[in-house]
């Protein structure tokens, strides 16, 4: 069984992206990413720090706007609008989750589609669905890049995606089914009938269901490739820190059945960050060299 680590591949991709950043800088354009973080969620703080470090390694200028958890809808929207209006900022990221009182859809739709490096704006999602993507959604694109760089072809193979979120499952199913990728895709969710049976038919199984260690050996075909998107902090008194990190897959149970599997952490996560950086560079090209699109 082979572990499909994303750490080394993400650094490889960063090295390639450095040349694009240098090309922009030589033309007088410093690619810049603005990140909005609301509240003091420890996970969000770690994720933002990781993204800013990756951007820095590539040569992207970044800034973080940290707002209190008490921020109002209007104040948050005004922050987004200020970044939209600043021509020196090429990408805008609003770190999730946001406080329950904030209407996420309104924030997503406020971000300029040309600066929407998460690919959440309806305009960019529509272009993706039409097969004309401006940006690629970060986690789905990271998954495809991870498979490609490990020489795991999806063309003609049956890929089962567990989870239909707008961040991972739904856009991934769209990407997988497009011409040039050519997978046969089944998108499942918690209410899918015969879920375990369908999962066992997958040549490639993507677990993005949002439940810790939910996928067991009974859901995996012998020799399948498993991509574990989940990241969970689970209490564990045997650990010095009192918890352990796991994914949506019971990896100890599944390892003996699969041909390859992504680790958690260190699998999909680093590739997601690398694709965010890639989108930021593309956004900078689109805004400084309009013909690029």
C-alpha atoms as a PDB file:
ATOM      1  CA  UNK A   1       0.000   0.000   0.000  1.00  0.00           C
ATOM      2  CA  UNK A   2       1.324   3.394  -1.005  1.00  0.00           C
ATOM      3  CA  UNK A   3       0.700   6.590   0.951  1.00  0.00           C
ATOM      4  CA  UNK A   4      -0.032   9.524  -1.354  1.00  0.00           C
ATOM      5  CA  UNK A   5       1.666  12.307   0.576  1.00  0.00           C
ATOM      6  CA  UNK A   6       0.814  15.840  -0.473  1.00  0.00           C
ATOM      7  CA  UNK A   7       3.649  17.574   1.365  1.00  0.00           C
ATOM      8  CA  UNK A   8       6.440  16.910  -1.112  1.00  0.00           C
ATOM      9  CA  UNK A   9       4.191  17.420  -4.127  1.00  0.00           C
ATOM     10  CA  UNK A  10       2.933  20.737  -2.776  1.00  0.00           C
ATOM     11  CA  UNK A  11       6.497  21.997  -2.390  1.00  0.00           C
ATOM     12  CA  UNK A  12       7.215  20.806  -5.934  1.00  0.00           C
ATOM     13  CA  UNK A  13       4.223  22.773  -7.180  1.00  0.00           C
ATOM     14  CA  UNK A  14       5.307  25.827  -5.178  1.00  0.00           C
ATOM     15  CA  UNK A  15       8.686  25.740  -6.934  1.00  0.00           C
ATOM     16  CA  UNK A  16       6.931  25.799 -10.295  1.00  0.00           C
ATOM     17  CA  UNK A  17       4.693  28.668  -9.191  1.00  0.00           C
ATOM     18  CA  UNK A  18       7.693  30.733  -8.096  1.00  0.00           C
ATOM     19  CA  UNK A  19       8.550  31.303 -11.753  1.00  0.00           C
ATOM     20  CA  UNK A  20       5.065  32.712 -12.430  1.00  0.00           C
ATOM     21  CA  UNK A  21       5.310  35.023  -9.434  1.00  0.00           C
ATOM     22  CA  UNK A  22       8.750  36.190 -10.555  1.00  0.00           C
ATOM     23  CA  UNK A  23       7.386  36.904 -14.047  1.00  0.00           C
ATOM     24  CA  UNK A  24       4.658  39.123 -12.603  1.00  0.00           C
ATOM     25  CA  UNK A  25       7.096  40.887 -10.288  1.00  0.00           C
ATOM     26  CA  UNK A  26       9.494  41.597 -13.148  1.00  0.00           C
ATOM     27  CA  UNK A  27       6.636  43.375 -14.908  1.00  0.00           C
ATOM     28  CA  UNK A  28       6.022  45.572 -11.889  1.00  0.00           C
ATOM     29  CA  UNK A  29       3.081  43.606 -10.479  1.00  0.00           C
ATOM     30  CA  UNK A  30       3.461  42.073  -7.026  1.00  0.00           C
ATOM     31  CA  UNK A  31       0.814  39.339  -6.690  1.00  0.00           C
ATOM     32  CA  UNK A  32      -1.042  39.930  -3.432  1.00  0.00           C
ATOM     33  CA  UNK A  33      -3.461  37.809  -1.410  1.00  0.00           C
ATOM     34  CA  UNK A  34      -5.742  39.300   1.248  1.00  0.00           C
ATOM     35  CA  UNK A  35      -7.119  36.957   3.912  1.00  0.00           C
ATOM     36  CA  UNK A  36     -10.028  37.813   6.204  1.00  0.00           C
ATOM     37  CA  UNK A  37     -10.240  35.870   9.472  1.00  0.00           C
ATOM     38  CA  UNK A  38     -13.114  36.351  11.898  1.00  0.00           C
ATOM     39  CA  UNK A  39     -12.854  35.376  15.570  1.00  0.00           C
ATOM     40  CA  UNK A  40     -10.246  33.282  17.331  1.00  0.00           C
ATOM     41  CA  UNK A  41     -10.952  29.737  16.203  1.00  0.00           C
ATOM     42  CA  UNK A  42      -7.625  27.867  16.671  1.00  0.00           C
ATOM     43  CA  UNK A  43      -8.156  25.778  13.545  1.00  0.00           C
ATOM     44  CA  UNK A  44      -8.796  28.831  11.400  1.00  0.00           C
ATOM     45  CA  UNK A  45      -5.700  30.518  12.762  1.00  0.00           C
ATOM     46  CA  UNK A  46      -3.573  27.504  11.834  1.00  0.00           C
ATOM     47  CA  UNK A  47      -5.099  27.235   8.358  1.00  0.00           C
ATOM     48  CA  UNK A  48      -4.545  30.927   7.646  1.00  0.00           C
ATOM     49  CA  UNK A  49      -0.957  30.778   8.867  1.00  0.00           C
ATOM     50  CA  UNK A  50      -0.293  27.792   6.590  1.00  0.00           C
ATOM     51  CA  UNK A  51      -1.768  29.595   3.580  1.00  0.00           C
ATOM     52  CA  UNK A  52       0.202  32.781   4.201  1.00  0.00           C
ATOM     53  CA  UNK A  53       3.466  30.840   4.570  1.00  0.00           C
ATOM     54  CA  UNK A  54       2.871  29.015   1.294  1.00  0.00           C
ATOM     55  CA  UNK A  55       2.137  32.298  -0.465  1.00  0.00           C
ATOM     56  CA  UNK A  56       5.312  33.806   0.958  1.00  0.00           C
ATOM     57  CA  UNK A  57       7.442  30.879  -0.248  1.00  0.00           C
ATOM     58  CA  UNK A  58       6.119  31.348  -3.777  1.00  0.00           C
ATOM     59  CA  UNK A  59       6.686  35.090  -3.788  1.00  0.00           C
ATOM     60  CA  UNK A  60       3.165  36.341  -3.157  1.00  0.00           C
ATOM     61  CA  UNK A  61       2.646  39.303  -0.861  1.00  0.00           C
ATOM     62  CA  UNK A  62      -0.064  38.584   1.676  1.00  0.00           C
ATOM     63  CA  UNK A  63      -1.933  40.395   4.372  1.00  0.00           C
ATOM     64  CA  UNK A  64      -4.362  39.259   7.026  1.00  0.00           C
ATOM     65  CA  UNK A  65      -7.329  41.243   8.284  1.00  0.00           C
ATOM     66  CA  UNK A  66      -8.349  39.788  11.654  1.00  0.00           C
ATOM     67  CA  UNK A  67     -11.826  40.850  12.732  1.00  0.00           C
ATOM     68  CA  UNK A  68     -13.528  40.169  16.087  1.00  0.00           C
ATOM     69  CA  UNK A  69     -16.221  37.528  16.383  1.00  0.00           C
ATOM     70  CA  UNK A  70     -18.637  40.397  17.102  1.00  0.00           C
ATOM     71  CA  UNK A  71     -18.165  41.863  13.615  1.00  0.00           C
ATOM     72  CA  UNK A  72     -21.441  42.757  11.917  1.00  0.00           C
ATOM     73  CA  UNK A  73     -22.583  41.653   8.482  1.00  0.00           C
ATOM     74  CA  UNK A  74     -22.160  45.197   7.197  1.00  0.00           C
ATOM     75  CA  UNK A  75     -18.644  45.578   8.602  1.00  0.00           C
ATOM     76  CA  UNK A  76     -17.540  42.310   7.048  1.00  0.00           C
ATOM     77  CA  UNK A  77     -19.059  43.222   3.697  1.00  0.00           C
ATOM     78  CA  UNK A  78     -17.353  46.632   3.832  1.00  0.00           C
ATOM     79  CA  UNK A  79     -14.019  44.907   4.438  1.00  0.00           C
ATOM     80  CA  UNK A  80     -14.565  42.771   1.352  1.00  0.00           C
ATOM     81  CA  UNK A  81     -15.564  45.813  -0.704  1.00  0.00           C
ATOM     82  CA  UNK A  82     -12.424  47.673   0.348  1.00  0.00           C
ATOM     83  CA  UNK A  83     -10.284  44.783  -0.880  1.00  0.00           C
ATOM     84  CA  UNK A  84     -12.314  44.629  -4.108  1.00  0.00           C
ATOM     85  CA  UNK A  85     -11.572  48.289  -4.755  1.00  0.00           C
ATOM     86  CA  UNK A  86      -7.824  47.998  -4.088  1.00  0.00           C
ATOM     87  CA  UNK A  87      -6.023  47.273  -7.387  1.00  0.00           C
ATOM     88  CA  UNK A  88      -2.936  46.116  -5.471  1.00  0.00           C
ATOM     89  CA  UNK A  89      -4.888  43.135  -4.097  1.00  0.00           C
ATOM     90  CA  UNK A  90      -5.434  40.314  -6.579  1.00  0.00           C
ATOM     91  CA  UNK A  91      -6.966  37.550  -4.449  1.00  0.00           C
ATOM     92  CA  UNK A  92      -9.435  37.623  -1.556  1.00  0.00           C
ATOM     93  CA  UNK A  93     -10.014  34.747   0.827  1.00  0.00           C
ATOM     94  CA  UNK A  94     -12.543  34.774   3.664  1.00  0.00           C
ATOM     95  CA  UNK A  95     -11.559  31.960   5.993  1.00  0.00           C
ATOM     96  CA  UNK A  96     -14.359  29.620   7.040  1.00  0.00           C
ATOM     97  CA  UNK A  97     -16.168  28.986   9.277  1.00  0.00           C
ATOM     98  CA  UNK A  98     -17.790  32.336   9.942  1.00  0.00           C
ATOM     99  CA  UNK A  99     -19.987  33.128  12.963  1.00  0.00           C
ATOM    100  CA  UNK A 100     -23.533  31.760  12.652  1.00  0.00           C
ATOM    101  CA  UNK A 101     -25.005  35.269  12.487  1.00  0.00           C
ATOM    102  CA  UNK A 102     -23.097  36.040   9.279  1.00  0.00           C
ATOM    103  CA  UNK A 103     -24.881  35.256   6.006  1.00  0.00           C
ATOM    104  CA  UNK A 104     -22.139  33.416   4.127  1.00  0.00           C
ATOM    105  CA  UNK A 105     -23.848  33.634   0.732  1.00  0.00           C
ATOM    106  CA  UNK A 106     -23.842  37.428   0.869  1.00  0.00           C
ATOM    107  CA  UNK A 107     -20.125  37.493   1.691  1.00  0.00           C
ATOM    108  CA  UNK A 108     -19.288  35.067  -1.122  1.00  0.00           C
ATOM    109  CA  UNK A 109     -21.281  37.104  -3.626  1.00  0.00           C
ATOM    110  CA  UNK A 110     -19.616  40.366  -2.517  1.00  0.00           C
ATOM    111  CA  UNK A 111     -16.153  39.145  -3.507  1.00  0.00           C
ATOM    112  CA  UNK A 112     -15.130  40.301  -6.981  1.00  0.00           C
ATOM    113  CA  UNK A 113     -15.290  37.150  -9.190  1.00  0.00           C
ATOM    114  CA  UNK A 114     -11.834  38.011 -10.570  1.00  0.00           C
ATOM    115  CA  UNK A 115     -10.452  37.967  -7.005  1.00  0.00           C
ATOM    116  CA  UNK A 116     -12.410  34.905  -5.860  1.00  0.00           C
ATOM    117  CA  UNK A 117      -9.436  32.548  -5.420  1.00  0.00           C
ATOM    118  CA  UNK A 118     -11.534  30.000  -3.486  1.00  0.00           C
ATOM    119  CA  UNK A 119     -13.837  29.649  -6.531  1.00  0.00           C
ATOM    120  CA  UNK A 120     -16.990  30.038  -4.446  1.00  0.00           C
ATOM    121  CA  UNK A 121     -18.656  32.922  -6.320  1.00  0.00           C
ATOM    122  CA  UNK A 122     -21.724  31.842  -8.368  1.00  0.00           C
ATOM    123  CA  UNK A 123     -20.162  33.255 -11.547  1.00  0.00           C
ATOM    124  CA  UNK A 124     -17.045  31.113 -11.137  1.00  0.00           C
ATOM    125  CA  UNK A 125     -19.062  28.037 -10.160  1.00  0.00           C
ATOM    126  CA  UNK A 126     -21.162  28.551 -13.289  1.00  0.00           C
ATOM    127  CA  UNK A 127     -18.083  28.772 -15.492  1.00  0.00           C
ATOM    128  CA  UNK A 128     -16.789  25.584 -13.889  1.00  0.00           C
ATOM    129  CA  UNK A 129     -20.056  23.769 -14.597  1.00  0.00           C
ATOM    130  CA  UNK A 130     -19.890  24.911 -18.238  1.00  0.00           C
ATOM    131  CA  UNK A 131     -16.392  23.481 -18.631  1.00  0.00           C
ATOM    132  CA  UNK A 132     -14.826  26.949 -18.900  1.00  0.00           C
ATOM    133  CA  UNK A 133     -13.292  27.405 -15.436  1.00  0.00           C
ATOM    134  CA  UNK A 134     -11.697  30.704 -14.555  1.00  0.00           C
ATOM    135  CA  UNK A 135     -10.353  29.253 -11.308  1.00  0.00           C
ATOM    136  CA  UNK A 136     -10.355  25.694 -10.024  1.00  0.00           C
ATOM    137  CA  UNK A 137     -11.871  24.954  -6.602  1.00  0.00           C
ATOM    138  CA  UNK A 138      -8.878  24.385  -4.362  1.00  0.00           C
ATOM    139  CA  UNK A 139      -9.517  21.027  -2.711  1.00  0.00           C
ATOM    140  CA  UNK A 140     -10.964  19.291  -5.804  1.00  0.00           C
ATOM    141  CA  UNK A 141      -8.108  20.627  -7.938  1.00  0.00           C
ATOM    142  CA  UNK A 142      -5.615  19.548  -5.280  1.00  0.00           C
ATOM    143  CA  UNK A 143      -7.040  16.023  -5.334  1.00  0.00           C
ATOM    144  CA  UNK A 144      -6.746  15.753  -9.114  1.00  0.00           C
ATOM    145  CA  UNK A 145      -3.210  17.138  -9.053  1.00  0.00           C
ATOM    146  CA  UNK A 146      -2.230  14.691  -6.300  1.00  0.00           C
ATOM    147  CA  UNK A 147      -3.513  11.766  -8.362  1.00  0.00           C
ATOM    148  CA  UNK A 148      -1.893  13.043 -11.564  1.00  0.00           C
ATOM    149  CA  UNK A 149       1.520  13.513  -9.997  1.00  0.00           C
ATOM    150  CA  UNK A 150       1.322   9.996  -8.587  1.00  0.00           C
ATOM    151  CA  UNK A 151       0.468   8.704 -12.079  1.00  0.00           C
ATOM    152  CA  UNK A 152      -2.980   7.505 -11.025  1.00  0.00           C
ATOM    153  CA  UNK A 153      -5.268   7.985 -14.008  1.00  0.00           C
ATOM    154  CA  UNK A 154      -8.968   8.635 -13.467  1.00  0.00           C
ATOM    155  CA  UNK A 155      -9.925   8.369 -17.148  1.00  0.00           C
ATOM    156  CA  UNK A 156     -12.523   5.650 -17.651  1.00  0.00           C
ATOM    157  CA  UNK A 157     -12.462   4.663 -13.998  1.00  0.00           C
ATOM    158  CA  UNK A 158     -15.338   4.706 -11.550  1.00  0.00           C
ATOM    159  CA  UNK A 159     -14.858   7.401  -8.918  1.00  0.00           C
ATOM    160  CA  UNK A 160     -17.273   7.460  -5.997  1.00  0.00           C
ATOM    161  CA  UNK A 161     -17.401  10.729  -4.066  1.00  0.00           C
ATOM    162  CA  UNK A 162     -18.855  10.579  -0.557  1.00  0.00           C
ATOM    163  CA  UNK A 163     -20.219  14.021   0.322  1.00  0.00           C
ATOM    164  CA  UNK A 164     -22.030  16.669  -1.701  1.00  0.00           C
ATOM    165  CA  UNK A 165     -20.753  19.923  -0.175  1.00  0.00           C
ATOM    166  CA  UNK A 166     -20.285  22.990  -2.358  1.00  0.00           C
ATOM    167  CA  UNK A 167     -16.642  23.112  -1.294  1.00  0.00           C
ATOM    168  CA  UNK A 168     -15.511  19.562  -2.147  1.00  0.00           C
ATOM    169  CA  UNK A 169     -17.987  16.913  -3.278  1.00  0.00           C
ATOM    170  CA  UNK A 170     -20.131  18.778  -5.775  1.00  0.00           C
ATOM    171  CA  UNK A 171     -17.349  20.686  -7.607  1.00  0.00           C
ATOM    172  CA  UNK A 172     -15.113  17.594  -7.582  1.00  0.00           C
ATOM    173  CA  UNK A 173     -17.833  15.577  -9.311  1.00  0.00           C
ATOM    174  CA  UNK A 174     -18.052  18.284 -11.981  1.00  0.00           C
ATOM    175  CA  UNK A 175     -14.293  18.338 -12.552  1.00  0.00           C
ATOM    176  CA  UNK A 176     -14.025  14.559 -12.718  1.00  0.00           C
ATOM    177  CA  UNK A 177     -16.738  14.251 -15.356  1.00  0.00           C
ATOM    178  CA  UNK A 178     -15.374  16.887 -17.735  1.00  0.00           C
ATOM    179  CA  UNK A 179     -13.782  16.088 -21.079  1.00  0.00           C
ATOM    180  CA  UNK A 180     -10.076  15.513 -20.708  1.00  0.00           C
ATOM    181  CA  UNK A 181     -10.550  14.058 -17.228  1.00  0.00           C
ATOM    182  CA  UNK A 182     -13.131  11.493 -18.288  1.00  0.00           C
ATOM    183  CA  UNK A 183     -13.963   9.690 -15.068  1.00  0.00           C
ATOM    184  CA  UNK A 184     -17.304   8.019 -14.447  1.00  0.00           C
ATOM    185  CA  UNK A 185     -18.596   9.648 -11.284  1.00  0.00           C
ATOM    186  CA  UNK A 186     -21.098   8.668  -8.627  1.00  0.00           C
ATOM    187  CA  UNK A 187     -21.858  11.367  -6.058  1.00  0.00           C
ATOM    188  CA  UNK A 188     -23.175   9.962  -2.788  1.00  0.00           C
ATOM    189  CA  UNK A 189     -24.274  11.423   0.528  1.00  0.00           C
ATOM    190  CA  UNK A 190     -25.589  10.314   3.907  1.00  0.00           C
ATOM    191  CA  UNK A 191     -29.055   9.549   2.502  1.00  0.00           C
ATOM    192  CA  UNK A 192     -27.875   7.482  -0.464  1.00  0.00           C
ATOM    193  CA  UNK A 193     -29.461   4.030  -0.511  1.00  0.00           C
ATOM    194  CA  UNK A 194     -27.011   1.097  -0.566  1.00  0.00           C
ATOM    195  CA  UNK A 195     -24.170   3.508   0.195  1.00  0.00           C
ATOM    196  CA  UNK A 196     -21.640   0.876   1.304  1.00  0.00           C
ATOM    197  CA  UNK A 197     -22.418  -1.255  -1.741  1.00  0.00           C
ATOM    198  CA  UNK A 198     -21.891   1.666  -4.114  1.00  0.00           C
ATOM    199  CA  UNK A 199     -18.669   2.679  -2.349  1.00  0.00           C
ATOM    200  CA  UNK A 200     -17.323  -0.858  -2.841  1.00  0.00           C
ATOM    201  CA  UNK A 201     -17.720  -0.425  -6.599  1.00  0.00           C
ATOM    202  CA  UNK A 202     -15.254   2.486  -6.672  1.00  0.00           C
ATOM    203  CA  UNK A 203     -11.874   2.238  -8.335  1.00  0.00           C
ATOM    204  CA  UNK A 204     -11.152   5.534  -6.589  1.00  0.00           C
ATOM    205  CA  UNK A 205     -13.061   6.435  -3.435  1.00  0.00           C
ATOM    206  CA  UNK A 206     -13.075  10.034  -2.199  1.00  0.00           C
ATOM    207  CA  UNK A 207     -14.249  10.456   1.385  1.00  0.00           C
ATOM    208  CA  UNK A 208     -15.545  13.957   2.134  1.00  0.00           C
ATOM    209  CA  UNK A 209     -18.492  13.033   4.308  1.00  0.00           C
ATOM    210  CA  UNK A 210     -17.419  15.033   7.379  1.00  0.00           C
ATOM    211  CA  UNK A 211     -17.543  12.188   9.927  1.00  0.00           C
ATOM    212  CA  UNK A 212     -14.414  10.911  11.699  1.00  0.00           C
ATOM    213  CA  UNK A 213     -13.290   7.440  10.612  1.00  0.00           C
ATOM    214  CA  UNK A 214     -16.714   6.742   9.104  1.00  0.00           C
ATOM    215  CA  UNK A 215     -15.425   4.779   6.105  1.00  0.00           C
ATOM    216  CA  UNK A 216     -14.411   1.264   7.086  1.00  0.00           C
ATOM    217  CA  UNK A 217     -13.104  -1.806   5.288  1.00  0.00           C
ATOM    218  CA  UNK A 218     -16.655  -2.871   4.358  1.00  0.00           C
ATOM    219  CA  UNK A 219     -16.924   0.210   2.097  1.00  0.00           C
ATOM    220  CA  UNK A 220     -13.701  -0.258   0.133  1.00  0.00           C
ATOM    221  CA  UNK A 221     -12.992  -2.506  -2.829  1.00  0.00           C
ATOM    222  CA  UNK A 222      -9.815  -4.574  -2.792  1.00  0.00           C
ATOM    223  CA  UNK A 223      -7.066  -2.613  -4.559  1.00  0.00           C
ATOM    224  CA  UNK A 224      -8.949   0.688  -4.642  1.00  0.00           C
ATOM    225  CA  UNK A 225      -7.356   4.107  -4.262  1.00  0.00           C
ATOM    226  CA  UNK A 226      -8.744   6.061  -1.303  1.00  0.00           C
ATOM    227  CA  UNK A 227      -8.586   9.850  -0.992  1.00  0.00           C
ATOM    228  CA  UNK A 228      -9.383  11.028   2.541  1.00  0.00           C
ATOM    229  CA  UNK A 229     -10.468  14.672   2.633  1.00  0.00           C
ATOM    230  CA  UNK A 230     -11.632  14.810   6.243  1.00  0.00           C
ATOM    231  CA  UNK A 231      -9.670  16.364   9.098  1.00  0.00           C
ATOM    232  CA  UNK A 232     -10.979  15.859  12.621  1.00  0.00           C
ATOM    233  CA  UNK A 233      -9.649  16.396  16.115  1.00  0.00           C
ATOM    234  CA  UNK A 234     -10.740  13.406  18.216  1.00  0.00           C
ATOM    235  CA  UNK A 235     -10.267  13.104  21.968  1.00  0.00           C
ATOM    236  CA  UNK A 236      -7.592  10.553  22.874  1.00  0.00           C
ATOM    237  CA  UNK A 237      -6.367  10.290  26.447  1.00  0.00           C
ATOM    238  CA  UNK A 238      -3.407   8.166  25.352  1.00  0.00           C
ATOM    239  CA  UNK A 239      -1.934  11.181  23.556  1.00  0.00           C
ATOM    240  CA  UNK A 240       0.048  13.793  25.454  1.00  0.00           C
ATOM    241  CA  UNK A 241      -2.009  16.599  23.957  1.00  0.00           C
ATOM    242  CA  UNK A 242      -5.281  14.785  24.715  1.00  0.00           C
ATOM    243  CA  UNK A 243      -6.402  14.343  21.111  1.00  0.00           C
ATOM    244  CA  UNK A 244      -5.396  12.891  17.758  1.00  0.00           C
ATOM    245  CA  UNK A 245      -6.007  13.969  14.177  1.00  0.00           C
ATOM    246  CA  UNK A 246      -7.887  11.636  11.876  1.00  0.00           C
ATOM    247  CA  UNK A 247      -9.812  11.739   8.622  1.00  0.00           C
ATOM    248  CA  UNK A 248     -13.130  10.414   7.348  1.00  0.00           C
ATOM    249  CA  UNK A 249     -11.520   7.004   6.761  1.00  0.00           C
ATOM    250  CA  UNK A 250     -10.606   4.438   9.393  1.00  0.00           C
ATOM    251  CA  UNK A 251      -7.142   4.165   7.927  1.00  0.00           C
ATOM    252  CA  UNK A 252      -5.907   1.341  10.168  1.00  0.00           C
ATOM    253  CA  UNK A 253      -8.882  -0.798   9.109  1.00  0.00           C
ATOM    254  CA  UNK A 254      -8.715   0.086   5.411  1.00  0.00           C
ATOM    255  CA  UNK A 255      -4.935   0.003   4.842  1.00  0.00           C
ATOM    256  CA  UNK A 256      -4.798  -3.738   4.173  1.00  0.00           C
ATOM    257  CA  UNK A 257      -7.339  -3.539   1.335  1.00  0.00           C
ATOM    258  CA  UNK A 258      -6.214  -0.535  -0.727  1.00  0.00           C
ATOM    259  CA  UNK A 259      -3.450   0.019  -3.253  1.00  0.00           C
ATOM    260  CA  UNK A 260      -2.943   3.667  -2.286  1.00  0.00           C
ATOM    261  CA  UNK A 261      -4.339   6.122   0.236  1.00  0.00           C
ATOM    262  CA  UNK A 262      -3.796   9.716   1.308  1.00  0.00           C
ATOM    263  CA  UNK A 263      -2.589  10.234   4.894  1.00  0.00           C
ATOM    264  CA  UNK A 264      -4.278  12.569   7.382  1.00  0.00           C
ATOM    265  CA  UNK A 265      -2.723  14.998   7.989  1.00  0.00           C
ATOM    266  CA  UNK A 266      -0.314  15.625   5.131  1.00  0.00           C
ATOM    267  CA  UNK A 267      -2.340  14.322   2.202  1.00  0.00           C
ATOM    268  CA  UNK A 268      -4.963  16.511   0.540  1.00  0.00           C
ATOM    269  CA  UNK A 269      -4.425  19.533   2.823  1.00  0.00           C
ATOM    270  CA  UNK A 270      -1.050  20.725   1.460  1.00  0.00           C
ATOM    271  CA  UNK A 271      -2.309  20.356  -2.115  1.00  0.00           C
ATOM    272  CA  UNK A 272      -5.368  22.447  -1.317  1.00  0.00           C
ATOM    273  CA  UNK A 273      -3.125  25.263  -0.103  1.00  0.00           C
ATOM    274  CA  UNK A 274      -0.896  24.988  -3.179  1.00  0.00           C
ATOM    275  CA  UNK A 275      -3.919  25.310  -5.471  1.00  0.00           C
ATOM    276  CA  UNK A 276      -5.045  28.413  -3.585  1.00  0.00           C
ATOM    277  CA  UNK A 277      -1.648  29.937  -4.323  1.00  0.00           C
ATOM    278  CA  UNK A 278      -1.977  28.900  -7.965  1.00  0.00           C
ATOM    279  CA  UNK A 279      -5.380  30.585  -8.183  1.00  0.00           C
ATOM    280  CA  UNK A 280      -3.944  33.763  -6.653  1.00  0.00           C
ATOM    281  CA  UNK A 281      -1.285  33.929  -9.347  1.00  0.00           C
ATOM    282  CA  UNK A 282      -3.868  33.368 -12.068  1.00  0.00           C
ATOM    283  CA  UNK A 283      -6.008  36.120 -10.553  1.00  0.00           C
ATOM    284  CA  UNK A 284      -3.019  38.460 -10.686  1.00  0.00           C
ATOM    285  CA  UNK A 285      -2.456  37.609 -14.355  1.00  0.00           C
ATOM    286  CA  UNK A 286      -6.134  38.188 -15.156  1.00  0.00           C
ATOM    287  CA  UNK A 287      -6.136  41.601 -13.519  1.00  0.00           C
ATOM    288  CA  UNK A 288      -2.796  42.849 -14.817  1.00  0.00           C
ATOM    289  CA  UNK A 289      -2.816  41.133 -18.216  1.00  0.00           C
ATOM    290  CA  UNK A 290      -6.502  40.832 -19.233  1.00  0.00           C
ATOM    291  CA  UNK A 291      -5.727  38.910 -22.405  1.00  0.00           C
ATOM    292  CA  UNK A 292      -4.508  36.047 -20.221  1.00  0.00           C
ATOM    293  CA  UNK A 293      -8.114  34.902 -19.708  1.00  0.00           C
END
